[in-house]
Amino acid sequence: METADQYSMASASTLSYASPAIGLLSPSAGQDTFQDPDRPVVVTVSGIEFALMATNVEIGIAFGNVADGSLLPLIPVIARSPSVAEVTSPGWVKPATPMPSNVSFVLVR
């Protein structure tokens, strides 16, 4: 591989990860058809192995269905656990597998 004036030999490096699983969605029921724009609905997705250890990766929510054309643009995450500050802390110790994870986003109207 060549990048600018640097060369490296090909490698057989691989990447693997545990499959994510959703355990809970909160709130778990739909909202009324009227939503006060001053009080947005924050949805929290809880589960395991959401790959939140990768601090240099953009995390977002894919919401909708490709097949029926309802897939929305990537919805930004407003909160996550573990946080970037936690996983980059020198004292951070990764919990035993499976790793509990949470992400929150504002429900799109």
PDB file of N, CA and C in Angstrom:
ATOM      1  N   MET A   1       0.834  -1.157   0.000  1.00  0.00           N
ATOM      2  CA  MET A   1       0.000   0.000   0.000  1.00  0.00           C
ATOM      3  C   MET A   1       0.889   1.233   0.000  1.00  0.00           C
ATOM      4  N   GLU A   2       0.494   2.241  -0.731  1.00  0.00           N
ATOM      5  CA  GLU A   2       1.260   3.484  -0.791  1.00  0.00           C
ATOM      6  C   GLU A   2       0.337   4.651  -0.467  1.00  0.00           C
ATOM      7  N   THR A   3       0.755   5.466   0.494  1.00  0.00           N
ATOM      8  CA  THR A   3       0.049   6.700   0.842  1.00  0.00           C
ATOM      9  C   THR A   3       1.080   7.805   0.883  1.00  0.00           C
ATOM     10  N   ALA A   4       0.907   8.797   0.010  1.00  0.00           N
ATOM     11  CA  ALA A   4       1.899   9.868  -0.137  1.00  0.00           C
ATOM     12  C   ALA A   4       3.239   9.211  -0.429  1.00  0.00           C
ATOM     13  N   ASP A   5       4.241   9.406   0.447  1.00  0.00           N
ATOM     14  CA  ASP A   5       5.544   8.798   0.205  1.00  0.00           C
ATOM     15  C   ASP A   5       5.836   7.654   1.176  1.00  0.00           C
ATOM     16  N   GLN A   6       4.779   7.128   1.811  1.00  0.00           N
ATOM     17  CA  GLN A   6       4.962   6.025   2.758  1.00  0.00           C
ATOM     18  C   GLN A   6       4.446   4.733   2.142  1.00  0.00           C
ATOM     19  N   TYR A   7       5.188   3.652   2.395  1.00  0.00           N
ATOM     20  CA  TYR A   7       4.847   2.348   1.849  1.00  0.00           C
ATOM     21  C   TYR A   7       4.692   1.345   2.989  1.00  0.00           C
ATOM     22  N   SER A   8       3.790   0.399   2.812  1.00  0.00           N
ATOM     23  CA  SER A   8       3.686  -0.691   3.772  1.00  0.00           C
ATOM     24  C   SER A   8       3.311  -1.964   3.023  1.00  0.00           C
ATOM     25  N   MET A   9       3.685  -3.075   3.603  1.00  0.00           N
ATOM     26  CA  MET A   9       3.374  -4.371   3.011  1.00  0.00           C
ATOM     27  C   MET A   9       1.916  -4.721   3.312  1.00  0.00           C
ATOM     28  N   ALA A  10       1.313  -5.500   2.442  1.00  0.00           N
ATOM     29  CA  ALA A  10      -0.055  -5.963   2.667  1.00  0.00           C
ATOM     30  C   ALA A  10      -0.082  -6.835   3.919  1.00  0.00           C
ATOM     31  N   SER A  11      -1.189  -6.777   4.644  1.00  0.00           N
ATOM     32  CA  SER A  11      -1.313  -7.603   5.839  1.00  0.00           C
ATOM     33  C   SER A  11      -2.633  -8.357   5.807  1.00  0.00           C
ATOM     34  N   ALA A  12      -2.726  -9.320   6.674  1.00  0.00           N
ATOM     35  CA  ALA A  12      -3.948 -10.123   6.771  1.00  0.00           C
ATOM     36  C   ALA A  12      -4.752  -9.698   8.005  1.00  0.00           C
ATOM     37  N   SER A  13      -4.682  -8.437   8.371  1.00  0.00           N
ATOM     38  CA  SER A  13      -5.405  -7.956   9.539  1.00  0.00           C
ATOM     39  C   SER A  13      -6.901  -8.127   9.339  1.00  0.00           C
ATOM     40  N   THR A  14      -7.563  -8.437  10.417  1.00  0.00           N
ATOM     41  CA  THR A  14      -9.012  -8.591  10.361  1.00  0.00           C
ATOM     42  C   THR A  14      -9.649  -7.806  11.500  1.00  0.00           C
ATOM     43  N   LEU A  15     -10.930  -7.616  11.394  1.00  0.00           N
ATOM     44  CA  LEU A  15     -11.692  -6.912  12.410  1.00  0.00           C
ATOM     45  C   LEU A  15     -12.871  -7.798  12.779  1.00  0.00           C
ATOM     46  N   SER A  16     -13.102  -7.955  14.059  1.00  0.00           N
ATOM     47  CA  SER A  16     -14.265  -8.725  14.480  1.00  0.00           C
ATOM     48  C   SER A  16     -14.898  -8.031  15.672  1.00  0.00           C
ATOM     49  N   TYR A  17     -16.171  -8.285  15.854  1.00  0.00           N
ATOM     50  CA  TYR A  17     -16.885  -7.671  16.969  1.00  0.00           C
ATOM     51  C   TYR A  17     -18.057  -8.562  17.345  1.00  0.00           C
ATOM     52  N   ALA A  18     -18.527  -8.370  18.572  1.00  0.00           N
ATOM     53  CA  ALA A  18     -19.698  -9.114  19.026  1.00  0.00           C
ATOM     54  C   ALA A  18     -20.949  -8.486  18.420  1.00  0.00           C
ATOM     55  N   SER A  19     -21.917  -9.292  18.115  1.00  0.00           N
ATOM     56  CA  SER A  19     -23.159  -8.779  17.541  1.00  0.00           C
ATOM     57  C   SER A  19     -23.941  -7.979  18.577  1.00  0.00           C
ATOM     58  N   PRO A  20     -24.430  -6.797  18.180  1.00  0.00           N
ATOM     59  CA  PRO A  20     -25.234  -6.007  19.113  1.00  0.00           C
ATOM     60  C   PRO A  20     -26.622  -6.633  19.291  1.00  0.00           C
ATOM     61  N   ALA A  21     -27.232  -6.362  20.435  1.00  0.00           N
ATOM     62  CA  ALA A  21     -28.589  -6.838  20.696  1.00  0.00           C
ATOM     63  C   ALA A  21     -29.325  -5.783  21.509  1.00  0.00           C
ATOM     64  N   ILE A  22     -30.542  -5.446  21.071  1.00  0.00           N
ATOM     65  CA  ILE A  22     -31.375  -4.481  21.795  1.00  0.00           C
ATOM     66  C   ILE A  22     -32.184  -5.234  22.831  1.00  0.00           C
ATOM     67  N   GLY A  23     -32.161  -4.725  24.070  1.00  0.00           N
ATOM     68  CA  GLY A  23     -32.912  -5.353  25.143  1.00  0.00           C
ATOM     69  C   GLY A  23     -34.130  -4.547  25.564  1.00  0.00           C
ATOM     70  N   LEU A  24     -34.047  -3.202  25.400  1.00  0.00           N
ATOM     71  CA  LEU A  24     -35.126  -2.336  25.874  1.00  0.00           C
ATOM     72  C   LEU A  24     -35.153  -1.056  25.061  1.00  0.00           C
ATOM     73  N   LEU A  25     -36.341  -0.593  24.772  1.00  0.00           N
ATOM     74  CA  LEU A  25     -36.564   0.677  24.104  1.00  0.00           C
ATOM     75  C   LEU A  25     -37.470   1.489  25.011  1.00  0.00           C
ATOM     76  N   SER A  26     -37.061   2.717  25.346  1.00  0.00           N
ATOM     77  CA  SER A  26     -37.847   3.533  26.261  1.00  0.00           C
ATOM     78  C   SER A  26     -37.987   4.950  25.715  1.00  0.00           C
ATOM     79  N   PRO A  27     -39.180   5.512  25.576  1.00  0.00           N
ATOM     80  CA  PRO A  27     -40.451   4.883  25.941  1.00  0.00           C
ATOM     81  C   PRO A  27     -40.790   3.756  24.974  1.00  0.00           C
ATOM     82  N   SER A  28     -41.530   2.779  25.483  1.00  0.00           N
ATOM     83  CA  SER A  28     -41.834   1.594  24.673  1.00  0.00           C
ATOM     84  C   SER A  28     -43.136   1.721  23.904  1.00  0.00           C
ATOM     85  N   ALA A  29     -43.896   2.784  24.139  1.00  0.00           N
ATOM     86  CA  ALA A  29     -45.162   2.979  23.433  1.00  0.00           C
ATOM     87  C   ALA A  29     -45.118   4.279  22.651  1.00  0.00           C
ATOM     88  N   GLY A  30     -45.936   4.358  21.599  1.00  0.00           N
ATOM     89  CA  GLY A  30     -45.995   5.556  20.773  1.00  0.00           C
ATOM     90  C   GLY A  30     -46.580   6.742  21.519  1.00  0.00           C
ATOM     91  N   GLN A  31     -46.307   7.916  21.018  1.00  0.00           N
ATOM     92  CA  GLN A  31     -46.805   9.155  21.606  1.00  0.00           C
ATOM     93  C   GLN A  31     -48.083   9.597  20.917  1.00  0.00           C
ATOM     94  N   ASP A  32     -48.789  10.539  21.525  1.00  0.00           N
ATOM     95  CA  ASP A  32     -49.972  11.132  20.897  1.00  0.00           C
ATOM     96  C   ASP A  32     -49.573  11.760  19.570  1.00  0.00           C
ATOM     97  N   THR A  33     -50.536  11.987  18.713  1.00  0.00           N
ATOM     98  CA  THR A  33     -50.231  12.584  17.419  1.00  0.00           C
ATOM     99  C   THR A  33     -49.738  14.012  17.569  1.00  0.00           C
ATOM    100  N   PHE A  34     -50.132  14.725  18.662  1.00  0.00           N
ATOM    101  CA  PHE A  34     -49.637  16.081  18.900  1.00  0.00           C
ATOM    102  C   PHE A  34     -48.420  15.993  19.797  1.00  0.00           C
ATOM    103  N   GLN A  35     -47.375  16.641  19.378  1.00  0.00           N
ATOM    104  CA  GLN A  35     -46.154  16.670  20.183  1.00  0.00           C
ATOM    105  C   GLN A  35     -45.736  18.111  20.351  1.00  0.00           C
ATOM    106  N   ASP A  36     -45.560  18.555  21.577  1.00  0.00           N
ATOM    107  CA  ASP A  36     -45.118  19.911  21.872  1.00  0.00           C
ATOM    108  C   ASP A  36     -43.661  20.042  21.433  1.00  0.00           C
ATOM    109  N   PRO A  37     -43.352  20.944  20.481  1.00  0.00           N
ATOM    110  CA  PRO A  37     -41.970  21.070  20.011  1.00  0.00           C
ATOM    111  C   PRO A  37     -41.000  21.531  21.105  1.00  0.00           C
ATOM    112  N   ASP A  38     -41.528  22.110  22.181  1.00  0.00           N
ATOM    113  CA  ASP A  38     -40.669  22.529  23.294  1.00  0.00           C
ATOM    114  C   ASP A  38     -40.354  21.372  24.243  1.00  0.00           C
ATOM    115  N   ARG A  39     -40.995  20.226  24.034  1.00  0.00           N
ATOM    116  CA  ARG A  39     -40.769  19.053  24.876  1.00  0.00           C
ATOM    117  C   ARG A  39     -40.533  17.837  23.984  1.00  0.00           C
ATOM    118  N   PRO A  40     -39.359  17.760  23.369  1.00  0.00           N
ATOM    119  CA  PRO A  40     -39.094  16.647  22.445  1.00  0.00           C
ATOM    120  C   PRO A  40     -39.093  15.306  23.184  1.00  0.00           C
ATOM    121  N   VAL A  41     -39.423  14.256  22.467  1.00  0.00           N
ATOM    122  CA  VAL A  41     -39.409  12.903  23.016  1.00  0.00           C
ATOM    123  C   VAL A  41     -37.998  12.339  22.844  1.00  0.00           C
ATOM    124  N   VAL A  42     -37.375  11.989  23.964  1.00  0.00           N
ATOM    125  CA  VAL A  42     -36.045  11.374  23.928  1.00  0.00           C
ATOM    126  C   VAL A  42     -36.231   9.864  24.067  1.00  0.00           C
ATOM    127  N   VAL A  43     -35.701   9.137  23.109  1.00  0.00           N
ATOM    128  CA  VAL A  43     -35.801   7.673  23.093  1.00  0.00           C
ATOM    129  C   VAL A  43     -34.443   7.108  23.500  1.00  0.00           C
ATOM    130  N   THR A  44     -34.460   6.150  24.419  1.00  0.00           N
ATOM    131  CA  THR A  44     -33.233   5.480  24.847  1.00  0.00           C
ATOM    132  C   THR A  44     -33.299   4.015  24.440  1.00  0.00           C
ATOM    133  N   VAL A  45     -32.243   3.575  23.773  1.00  0.00           N
ATOM    134  CA  VAL A  45     -32.106   2.184  23.349  1.00  0.00           C
ATOM    135  C   VAL A  45     -31.049   1.548  24.247  1.00  0.00           C
ATOM    136  N   SER A  46     -31.440   0.490  24.952  1.00  0.00           N
ATOM    137  CA  SER A  46     -30.515  -0.208  25.852  1.00  0.00           C
ATOM    138  C   SER A  46     -30.291  -1.624  25.343  1.00  0.00           C
ATOM    139  N   GLY A  47     -29.077  -2.098  25.531  1.00  0.00           N
ATOM    140  CA  GLY A  47     -28.763  -3.454  25.084  1.00  0.00           C
ATOM    141  C   GLY A  47     -27.322  -3.793  25.383  1.00  0.00           C
ATOM    142  N   ILE A  48     -26.744  -4.587  24.511  1.00  0.00           N
ATOM    143  CA  ILE A  48     -25.352  -5.001  24.682  1.00  0.00           C
ATOM    144  C   ILE A  48     -24.598  -4.843  23.371  1.00  0.00           C
ATOM    145  N   GLU A  49     -23.310  -4.599  23.511  1.00  0.00           N
ATOM    146  CA  GLU A  49     -22.362  -4.591  22.389  1.00  0.00           C
ATOM    147  C   GLU A  49     -22.720  -3.612  21.272  1.00  0.00           C
ATOM    148  N   PHE A  50     -22.937  -2.320  21.616  1.00  0.00           N
ATOM    149  CA  PHE A  50     -23.229  -1.301  20.607  1.00  0.00           C
ATOM    150  C   PHE A  50     -21.962  -0.693  20.015  1.00  0.00           C
ATOM    151  N   ALA A  51     -20.805  -1.248  20.294  1.00  0.00           N
ATOM    152  CA  ALA A  51     -19.518  -0.796  19.745  1.00  0.00           C
ATOM    153  C   ALA A  51     -19.181   0.633  20.135  1.00  0.00           C
ATOM    154  N   LEU A  52     -19.475   1.009  21.361  1.00  0.00           N
ATOM    155  CA  LEU A  52     -19.207   2.371  21.819  1.00  0.00           C
ATOM    156  C   LEU A  52     -17.769   2.569  22.276  1.00  0.00           C
ATOM    157  N   MET A  53     -16.946   1.541  22.184  1.00  0.00           N
ATOM    158  CA  MET A  53     -15.524   1.674  22.517  1.00  0.00           C
ATOM    159  C   MET A  53     -14.771   2.396  21.408  1.00  0.00           C
ATOM    160  N   ALA A  54     -15.298   2.411  20.198  1.00  0.00           N
ATOM    161  CA  ALA A  54     -14.651   3.067  19.058  1.00  0.00           C
ATOM    162  C   ALA A  54     -14.981   4.557  19.108  1.00  0.00           C
ATOM    163  N   THR A  55     -14.122   5.340  19.729  1.00  0.00           N
ATOM    164  CA  THR A  55     -14.406   6.761  19.958  1.00  0.00           C
ATOM    165  C   THR A  55     -14.265   7.614  18.708  1.00  0.00           C
ATOM    166  N   ASN A  56     -13.622   7.106  17.674  1.00  0.00           N
ATOM    167  CA  ASN A  56     -13.425   7.895  16.452  1.00  0.00           C
ATOM    168  C   ASN A  56     -14.459   7.556  15.371  1.00  0.00           C
ATOM    169  N   VAL A  57     -15.528   6.886  15.744  1.00  0.00           N
ATOM    170  CA  VAL A  57     -16.568   6.491  14.807  1.00  0.00           C
ATOM    171  C   VAL A  57     -17.831   7.292  15.105  1.00  0.00           C
ATOM    172  N   GLU A  58     -18.458   7.818  14.048  1.00  0.00           N
ATOM    173  CA  GLU A  58     -19.719   8.533  14.236  1.00  0.00           C
ATOM    174  C   GLU A  58     -20.819   7.525  14.539  1.00  0.00           C
ATOM    175  N   ILE A  59     -21.541   7.776  15.618  1.00  0.00           N
ATOM    176  CA  ILE A  59     -22.628   6.883  16.011  1.00  0.00           C
ATOM    177  C   ILE A  59     -23.940   7.601  15.742  1.00  0.00           C
ATOM    178  N   GLY A  60     -24.864   6.932  15.096  1.00  0.00           N
ATOM    179  CA  GLY A  60     -26.176   7.509  14.811  1.00  0.00           C
ATOM    180  C   GLY A  60     -27.214   6.413  14.762  1.00  0.00           C
ATOM    181  N   ILE A  61     -28.455   6.818  14.668  1.00  0.00           N
ATOM    182  CA  ILE A  61     -29.564   5.882  14.656  1.00  0.00           C
ATOM    183  C   ILE A  61     -30.147   5.811  13.246  1.00  0.00           C
ATOM    184  N   ALA A  62     -30.245   4.612  12.711  1.00  0.00           N
ATOM    185  CA  ALA A  62     -30.936   4.398  11.444  1.00  0.00           C
ATOM    186  C   ALA A  62     -32.373   4.029  11.808  1.00  0.00           C
ATOM    187  N   PHE A  63     -33.320   4.858  11.400  1.00  0.00           N
ATOM    188  CA  PHE A  63     -34.714   4.702  11.815  1.00  0.00           C
ATOM    189  C   PHE A  63     -35.590   4.628  10.575  1.00  0.00           C
ATOM    190  N   GLY A  64     -36.343   3.574  10.443  1.00  0.00           N
ATOM    191  CA  GLY A  64     -37.211   3.403   9.295  1.00  0.00           C
ATOM    192  C   GLY A  64     -36.923   2.100   8.585  1.00  0.00           C
ATOM    193  N   ASN A  65     -37.399   2.008   7.336  1.00  0.00           N
ATOM    194  CA  ASN A  65     -37.302   0.773   6.581  1.00  0.00           C
ATOM    195  C   ASN A  65     -36.902   1.094   5.141  1.00  0.00           C
ATOM    196  N   VAL A  66     -35.823   0.516   4.694  1.00  0.00           N
ATOM    197  CA  VAL A  66     -35.359   0.739   3.326  1.00  0.00           C
ATOM    198  C   VAL A  66     -36.400   0.247   2.319  1.00  0.00           C
ATOM    199  N   ALA A  67     -36.982  -0.916   2.573  1.00  0.00           N
ATOM    200  CA  ALA A  67     -37.904  -1.537   1.626  1.00  0.00           C
ATOM    201  C   ALA A  67     -39.123  -0.677   1.319  1.00  0.00           C
ATOM    202  N   ASP A  68     -39.665   0.029   2.339  1.00  0.00           N
ATOM    203  CA  ASP A  68     -40.858   0.829   2.078  1.00  0.00           C
ATOM    204  C   ASP A  68     -40.552   2.319   1.913  1.00  0.00           C
ATOM    205  N   GLY A  69     -39.266   2.667   1.872  1.00  0.00           N
ATOM    206  CA  GLY A  69     -38.863   4.053   1.631  1.00  0.00           C
ATOM    207  C   GLY A  69     -38.993   4.972   2.831  1.00  0.00           C
ATOM    208  N   SER A  70     -39.186   4.410   4.029  1.00  0.00           N
ATOM    209  CA  SER A  70     -39.362   5.263   5.213  1.00  0.00           C
ATOM    210  C   SER A  70     -38.063   5.512   5.978  1.00  0.00           C
ATOM    211  N   LEU A  71     -36.927   5.015   5.476  1.00  0.00           N
ATOM    212  CA  LEU A  71     -35.653   5.200   6.168  1.00  0.00           C
ATOM    213  C   LEU A  71     -35.288   6.678   6.197  1.00  0.00           C
ATOM    214  N   LEU A  72     -35.077   7.206   7.406  1.00  0.00           N
ATOM    215  CA  LEU A  72     -34.725   8.612   7.596  1.00  0.00           C
ATOM    216  C   LEU A  72     -33.216   8.792   7.519  1.00  0.00           C
ATOM    217  N   PRO A  73     -32.753  10.040   7.293  1.00  0.00           N
ATOM    218  CA  PRO A  73     -31.308  10.288   7.396  1.00  0.00           C
ATOM    219  C   PRO A  73     -30.831   9.930   8.810  1.00  0.00           C
ATOM    220  N   LEU A  74     -29.557   9.660   8.951  1.00  0.00           N
ATOM    221  CA  LEU A  74     -28.977   9.263  10.228  1.00  0.00           C
ATOM    222  C   LEU A  74     -29.361  10.259  11.323  1.00  0.00           C
ATOM    223  N   ILE A  75     -29.948   9.759  12.407  1.00  0.00           N
ATOM    224  CA  ILE A  75     -30.363  10.592  13.536  1.00  0.00           C
ATOM    225  C   ILE A  75     -29.210  10.626  14.534  1.00  0.00           C
ATOM    226  N   PRO A  76     -28.758  11.830  14.944  1.00  0.00           N
ATOM    227  CA  PRO A  76     -27.624  11.896  15.868  1.00  0.00           C
ATOM    228  C   PRO A  76     -27.962  11.385  17.261  1.00  0.00           C
ATOM    229  N   VAL A  77     -26.986  10.776  17.889  1.00  0.00           N
ATOM    230  CA  VAL A  77     -27.097  10.320  19.272  1.00  0.00           C
ATOM    231  C   VAL A  77     -26.803  11.522  20.171  1.00  0.00           C
ATOM    232  N   ILE A  78     -27.666  11.748  21.182  1.00  0.00           N
ATOM    233  CA  ILE A  78     -27.455  12.880  22.096  1.00  0.00           C
ATOM    234  C   ILE A  78     -26.830  12.451  23.419  1.00  0.00           C
ATOM    235  N   ALA A  79     -26.866  11.147  23.704  1.00  0.00           N
ATOM    236  CA  ALA A  79     -26.229  10.614  24.918  1.00  0.00           C
ATOM    237  C   ALA A  79     -25.863   9.162  24.665  1.00  0.00           C
ATOM    238  N   ARG A  80     -24.802   8.716  25.322  1.00  0.00           N
ATOM    239  CA  ARG A  80     -24.356   7.334  25.161  1.00  0.00           C
ATOM    240  C   ARG A  80     -23.685   6.864  26.436  1.00  0.00           C
ATOM    241  N   SER A  81     -23.775   5.570  26.679  1.00  0.00           N
ATOM    242  CA  SER A  81     -23.106   4.970  27.830  1.00  0.00           C
ATOM    243  C   SER A  81     -22.585   3.605  27.388  1.00  0.00           C
ATOM    244  N   PRO A  82     -21.292   3.385  27.513  1.00  0.00           N
ATOM    245  CA  PRO A  82     -20.318   4.269  28.132  1.00  0.00           C
ATOM    246  C   PRO A  82     -20.038   5.493  27.258  1.00  0.00           C
ATOM    247  N   SER A  83     -19.713   6.597  27.926  1.00  0.00           N
ATOM    248  CA  SER A  83     -19.418   7.848  27.220  1.00  0.00           C
ATOM    249  C   SER A  83     -18.000   7.827  26.659  1.00  0.00           C
ATOM    250  N   VAL A  84     -17.726   8.774  25.764  1.00  0.00           N
ATOM    251  CA  VAL A  84     -16.371   8.900  25.208  1.00  0.00           C
ATOM    252  C   VAL A  84     -15.390   9.201  26.343  1.00  0.00           C
ATOM    253  N   ALA A  85     -15.788  10.079  27.282  1.00  0.00           N
ATOM    254  CA  ALA A  85     -14.906  10.419  28.406  1.00  0.00           C
ATOM    255  C   ALA A  85     -14.564   9.177  29.230  1.00  0.00           C
ATOM    256  N   GLU A  86     -15.550   8.298  29.413  1.00  0.00           N
ATOM    257  CA  GLU A  86     -15.290   7.071  30.188  1.00  0.00           C
ATOM    258  C   GLU A  86     -14.294   6.162  29.483  1.00  0.00           C
ATOM    259  N   VAL A  87     -14.522   5.891  28.208  1.00  0.00           N
ATOM    260  CA  VAL A  87     -13.670   4.913  27.521  1.00  0.00           C
ATOM    261  C   VAL A  87     -12.283   5.448  27.188  1.00  0.00           C
ATOM    262  N   THR A  88     -12.095   6.772  27.241  1.00  0.00           N
ATOM    263  CA  THR A  88     -10.765   7.332  26.997  1.00  0.00           C
ATOM    264  C   THR A  88     -10.031   7.657  28.294  1.00  0.00           C
ATOM    265  N   SER A  89     -10.675   7.437  29.430  1.00  0.00           N
ATOM    266  CA  SER A  89     -10.044   7.687  30.725  1.00  0.00           C
ATOM    267  C   SER A  89      -8.943   6.653  30.966  1.00  0.00           C
ATOM    268  N   PRO A  90      -7.795   7.086  31.497  1.00  0.00           N
ATOM    269  CA  PRO A  90      -6.705   6.124  31.759  1.00  0.00           C
ATOM    270  C   PRO A  90      -7.115   5.008  32.722  1.00  0.00           C
ATOM    271  N   GLY A  91      -8.079   5.266  33.585  1.00  0.00           N
ATOM    272  CA  GLY A  91      -8.501   4.255  34.546  1.00  0.00           C
ATOM    273  C   GLY A  91      -9.625   3.359  34.062  1.00  0.00           C
ATOM    274  N   TRP A  92     -10.045   3.522  32.792  1.00  0.00           N
ATOM    275  CA  TRP A  92     -11.162   2.756  32.267  1.00  0.00           C
ATOM    276  C   TRP A  92     -10.834   1.271  32.215  1.00  0.00           C
ATOM    277  N   VAL A  93     -11.735   0.479  32.716  1.00  0.00           N
ATOM    278  CA  VAL A  93     -11.628  -0.977  32.621  1.00  0.00           C
ATOM    279  C   VAL A  93     -12.897  -1.464  31.945  1.00  0.00           C
ATOM    280  N   LYS A  94     -12.730  -2.076  30.785  1.00  0.00           N
ATOM    281  CA  LYS A  94     -13.890  -2.567  30.033  1.00  0.00           C
ATOM    282  C   LYS A  94     -14.599  -3.641  30.845  1.00  0.00           C
ATOM    283  N   PRO A  95     -15.934  -3.505  30.973  1.00  0.00           N
ATOM    284  CA  PRO A  95     -16.681  -4.536  31.688  1.00  0.00           C
ATOM    285  C   PRO A  95     -16.579  -5.881  30.984  1.00  0.00           C
ATOM    286  N   ALA A  96     -16.895  -6.911  31.720  1.00  0.00           N
ATOM    287  CA  ALA A  96     -16.894  -8.245  31.130  1.00  0.00           C
ATOM    288  C   ALA A  96     -17.910  -8.302  29.994  1.00  0.00           C
ATOM    289  N   THR A  97     -17.635  -9.129  29.034  1.00  0.00           N
ATOM    290  CA  THR A  97     -18.543  -9.307  27.904  1.00  0.00           C
ATOM    291  C   THR A  97     -19.772 -10.066  28.386  1.00  0.00           C
ATOM    292  N   PRO A  98     -20.958  -9.785  27.941  1.00  0.00           N
ATOM    293  CA  PRO A  98     -21.294  -8.738  26.990  1.00  0.00           C
ATOM    294  C   PRO A  98     -21.310  -7.367  27.651  1.00  0.00           C
ATOM    295  N   MET A  99     -20.945  -6.359  26.867  1.00  0.00           N
ATOM    296  CA  MET A  99     -20.827  -5.013  27.392  1.00  0.00           C
ATOM    297  C   MET A  99     -22.164  -4.286  27.309  1.00  0.00           C
ATOM    298  N   PRO A 100     -22.723  -3.864  28.465  1.00  0.00           N
ATOM    299  CA  PRO A 100     -23.976  -3.111  28.433  1.00  0.00           C
ATOM    300  C   PRO A 100     -23.768  -1.761  27.742  1.00  0.00           C
ATOM    301  N   SER A 101     -24.738  -1.349  26.936  1.00  0.00           N
ATOM    302  CA  SER A 101     -24.648  -0.108  26.171  1.00  0.00           C
ATOM    303  C   SER A 101     -26.006   0.579  26.147  1.00  0.00           C
ATOM    304  N   ASN A 102     -25.984   1.929  26.079  1.00  0.00           N
ATOM    305  CA  ASN A 102     -27.192   2.727  25.923  1.00  0.00           C
ATOM    306  C   ASN A 102     -26.901   3.867  24.968  1.00  0.00           C
ATOM    307  N   VAL A 103     -27.848   4.189  24.109  1.00  0.00           N
ATOM    308  CA  VAL A 103     -27.777   5.387  23.277  1.00  0.00           C
ATOM    309  C   VAL A 103     -29.145   6.066  23.327  1.00  0.00           C
ATOM    310  N   SER A 104     -29.145   7.400  23.295  1.00  0.00           N
ATOM    311  CA  SER A 104     -30.392   8.157  23.298  1.00  0.00           C
ATOM    312  C   SER A 104     -30.411   9.117  22.114  1.00  0.00           C
ATOM    313  N   PHE A 105     -31.623   9.349  21.582  1.00  0.00           N
ATOM    314  CA  PHE A 105     -31.793  10.271  20.470  1.00  0.00           C
ATOM    315  C   PHE A 105     -33.150  10.943  20.604  1.00  0.00           C
ATOM    316  N   VAL A 106     -33.294  12.094  19.926  1.00  0.00           N
ATOM    317  CA  VAL A 106     -34.569  12.804  19.917  1.00  0.00           C
ATOM    318  C   VAL A 106     -35.414  12.242  18.786  1.00  0.00           C
ATOM    319  N   LEU A 107     -36.636  11.811  19.136  1.00  0.00           N
ATOM    320  CA  LEU A 107     -37.551  11.249  18.150  1.00  0.00           C
ATOM    321  C   LEU A 107     -37.900  12.299  17.104  1.00  0.00           C
ATOM    322  N   VAL A 108     -37.776  11.919  15.850  1.00  0.00           N
ATOM    323  CA  VAL A 108     -38.062  12.824  14.736  1.00  0.00           C
ATOM    324  C   VAL A 108     -39.563  12.838  14.504  1.00  0.00           C
ATOM    325  N   ARG A 109     -40.116  14.026  14.291  1.00  0.00           N
ATOM    326  CA  ARG A 109     -41.564  14.158  14.038  1.00  0.00           C
ATOM    327  C   ARG A 109     -41.894  13.774  12.630  1.00  0.00           C
TER     328      ARG A 109
END
